[in-house]
Amino acid sequence: MGGNSPQTLVNTTALQILRGELDLAIPLARRTGEVEALIYAALLQGVGILLPFAGGLAAAVAGALLFGGTFIGMVSLVLTMAGRYYPTR
């Protein structure tokens, strides 16, 4: 596969997320507040769960990406909140 293939983009993005270089939840939390960002992420995660029931491969892949992305964002946000509210633990 070439350097500009969709698979390379997905792999690069996944590595950035795993390394914490690409976190989309924190900017949203700064604008809306941490609790509201968690609520929005939970709602999007629910959409990601229901999306595969629409049928088709594209819906299943989109649902999986939405679910996984919101899960990573929620975990990152909760860890950030825990570090802020309980810095000595």
C-alpha atoms as a PDB file:
ATOM      1  CA  MET A   1       0.000   0.000   0.000  1.00  0.00           C
ATOM      2  CA  GLY A   2       1.168   3.477  -0.769  1.00  0.00           C
ATOM      3  CA  GLY A   3       1.852   6.280   1.637  1.00  0.00           C
ATOM      4  CA  ASN A   4      -1.396   8.069   0.783  1.00  0.00           C
ATOM      5  CA  SER A   5      -3.762   5.113   1.019  1.00  0.00           C
ATOM      6  CA  PRO A   6      -6.832   5.170   3.285  1.00  0.00           C
ATOM      7  CA  GLN A   7      -5.344   2.326   5.352  1.00  0.00           C
ATOM      8  CA  THR A   8      -2.208   4.389   6.022  1.00  0.00           C
ATOM      9  CA  LEU A   9      -4.369   7.323   7.149  1.00  0.00           C
ATOM     10  CA  VAL A  10      -6.365   5.068   9.482  1.00  0.00           C
ATOM     11  CA  ASN A  11      -3.203   3.506  10.920  1.00  0.00           C
ATOM     12  CA  THR A  12      -1.565   6.899  11.436  1.00  0.00           C
ATOM     13  CA  THR A  13      -4.672   8.329  13.089  1.00  0.00           C
ATOM     14  CA  ALA A  14      -5.042   5.282  15.345  1.00  0.00           C
ATOM     15  CA  LEU A  15      -1.415   5.597  16.454  1.00  0.00           C
ATOM     16  CA  GLN A  16      -1.894   9.300  17.179  1.00  0.00           C
ATOM     17  CA  ILE A  17      -4.954   8.540  19.305  1.00  0.00           C
ATOM     18  CA  LEU A  18      -3.155   5.787  21.206  1.00  0.00           C
ATOM     19  CA  ARG A  19      -0.192   8.048  21.906  1.00  0.00           C
ATOM     20  CA  GLY A  20      -2.492  10.834  23.075  1.00  0.00           C
ATOM     21  CA  GLU A  21      -1.476  13.194  20.282  1.00  0.00           C
ATOM     22  CA  LEU A  22      -4.966  13.444  18.857  1.00  0.00           C
ATOM     23  CA  ASP A  23      -7.586  13.949  21.528  1.00  0.00           C
ATOM     24  CA  LEU A  24     -10.824  15.529  20.418  1.00  0.00           C
ATOM     25  CA  ALA A  25     -12.621  15.360  23.774  1.00  0.00           C
ATOM     26  CA  ILE A  26     -10.476  17.909  25.609  1.00  0.00           C
ATOM     27  CA  PRO A  27     -11.199  20.897  23.283  1.00  0.00           C
ATOM     28  CA  LEU A  28     -14.923  20.133  23.506  1.00  0.00           C
ATOM     29  CA  ALA A  29     -14.676  19.968  27.298  1.00  0.00           C
ATOM     30  CA  ARG A  30     -12.976  23.359  27.371  1.00  0.00           C
ATOM     31  CA  ARG A  31     -15.842  24.912  25.411  1.00  0.00           C
ATOM     32  CA  THR A  32     -18.823  23.190  27.042  1.00  0.00           C
ATOM     33  CA  GLY A  33     -17.562  21.978  30.403  1.00  0.00           C
ATOM     34  CA  GLU A  34     -16.358  18.537  31.371  1.00  0.00           C
ATOM     35  CA  VAL A  35     -19.683  17.075  32.472  1.00  0.00           C
ATOM     36  CA  GLU A  36     -21.497  18.315  29.374  1.00  0.00           C
ATOM     37  CA  ALA A  37     -18.733  16.896  27.169  1.00  0.00           C
ATOM     38  CA  LEU A  38     -19.185  13.505  28.853  1.00  0.00           C
ATOM     39  CA  ILE A  39     -22.940  13.701  28.247  1.00  0.00           C
ATOM     40  CA  TYR A  40     -22.415  14.535  24.567  1.00  0.00           C
ATOM     41  CA  ALA A  41     -19.911  11.698  24.239  1.00  0.00           C
ATOM     42  CA  ALA A  42     -22.348   9.249  25.859  1.00  0.00           C
ATOM     43  CA  LEU A  43     -25.091  10.311  23.441  1.00  0.00           C
ATOM     44  CA  LEU A  44     -22.747   9.884  20.473  1.00  0.00           C
ATOM     45  CA  GLN A  45     -21.708   6.508  21.841  1.00  0.00           C
ATOM     46  CA  GLY A  46     -25.370   5.491  21.907  1.00  0.00           C
ATOM     47  CA  VAL A  47     -25.666   6.498  18.266  1.00  0.00           C
ATOM     48  CA  GLY A  48     -22.582   4.415  17.527  1.00  0.00           C
ATOM     49  CA  ILE A  49     -24.220   1.416  19.179  1.00  0.00           C
ATOM     50  CA  LEU A  50     -27.455   1.811  17.207  1.00  0.00           C
ATOM     51  CA  LEU A  51     -25.880   2.661  13.852  1.00  0.00           C
ATOM     52  CA  PRO A  52     -25.113  -0.942  12.770  1.00  0.00           C
ATOM     53  CA  PHE A  53     -28.810  -1.765  12.995  1.00  0.00           C
ATOM     54  CA  ALA A  54     -29.331   0.519   9.983  1.00  0.00           C
ATOM     55  CA  GLY A  55     -27.754  -2.236   7.914  1.00  0.00           C
ATOM     56  CA  GLY A  56     -24.784  -2.371   5.629  1.00  0.00           C
ATOM     57  CA  LEU A  57     -21.052  -2.475   6.057  1.00  0.00           C
ATOM     58  CA  ALA A  58     -20.627   1.305   6.038  1.00  0.00           C
ATOM     59  CA  ALA A  59     -23.064   1.712   8.927  1.00  0.00           C
ATOM     60  CA  ALA A  60     -21.296  -1.018  10.906  1.00  0.00           C
ATOM     61  CA  VAL A  61     -17.859   0.536  10.335  1.00  0.00           C
ATOM     62  CA  ALA A  62     -19.140   4.028  11.160  1.00  0.00           C
ATOM     63  CA  GLY A  63     -20.786   2.681  14.320  1.00  0.00           C
ATOM     64  CA  ALA A  64     -17.593   0.936  15.388  1.00  0.00           C
ATOM     65  CA  LEU A  65     -15.491   4.054  14.804  1.00  0.00           C
ATOM     66  CA  LEU A  66     -18.009   6.237  16.615  1.00  0.00           C
ATOM     67  CA  PHE A  67     -18.229   3.869  19.569  1.00  0.00           C
ATOM     68  CA  GLY A  68     -14.470   3.391  19.814  1.00  0.00           C
ATOM     69  CA  GLY A  69     -13.701   7.063  19.365  1.00  0.00           C
ATOM     70  CA  THR A  70     -16.151   8.180  22.017  1.00  0.00           C
ATOM     71  CA  PHE A  71     -14.876   5.492  24.387  1.00  0.00           C
ATOM     72  CA  ILE A  72     -11.303   6.724  24.018  1.00  0.00           C
ATOM     73  CA  GLY A  73     -12.431  10.329  24.424  1.00  0.00           C
ATOM     74  CA  MET A  74     -14.468   9.576  27.534  1.00  0.00           C
ATOM     75  CA  VAL A  75     -11.627   7.661  29.175  1.00  0.00           C
ATOM     76  CA  SER A  76      -9.184  10.445  28.354  1.00  0.00           C
ATOM     77  CA  LEU A  77     -11.538  13.074  29.732  1.00  0.00           C
ATOM     78  CA  VAL A  78     -12.238  11.154  32.946  1.00  0.00           C
ATOM     79  CA  LEU A  79      -8.509  10.608  33.514  1.00  0.00           C
ATOM     80  CA  THR A  80      -7.933  14.327  33.007  1.00  0.00           C
ATOM     81  CA  MET A  81     -10.721  15.153  35.450  1.00  0.00           C
ATOM     82  CA  ALA A  82      -9.379  12.683  38.021  1.00  0.00           C
ATOM     83  CA  GLY A  83      -5.930  14.243  37.803  1.00  0.00           C
ATOM     84  CA  ARG A  84      -7.401  17.694  38.298  1.00  0.00           C
ATOM     85  CA  TYR A  85      -9.780  16.876  41.152  1.00  0.00           C
ATOM     86  CA  TYR A  86      -7.569  14.337  42.961  1.00  0.00           C
ATOM     87  CA  PRO A  87      -3.982  15.428  42.281  1.00  0.00           C
ATOM     88  CA  THR A  88      -2.422  13.620  45.240  1.00  0.00           C
ATOM     89  CA  ARG A  89      -3.813  10.166  44.441  1.00  0.00           C
END
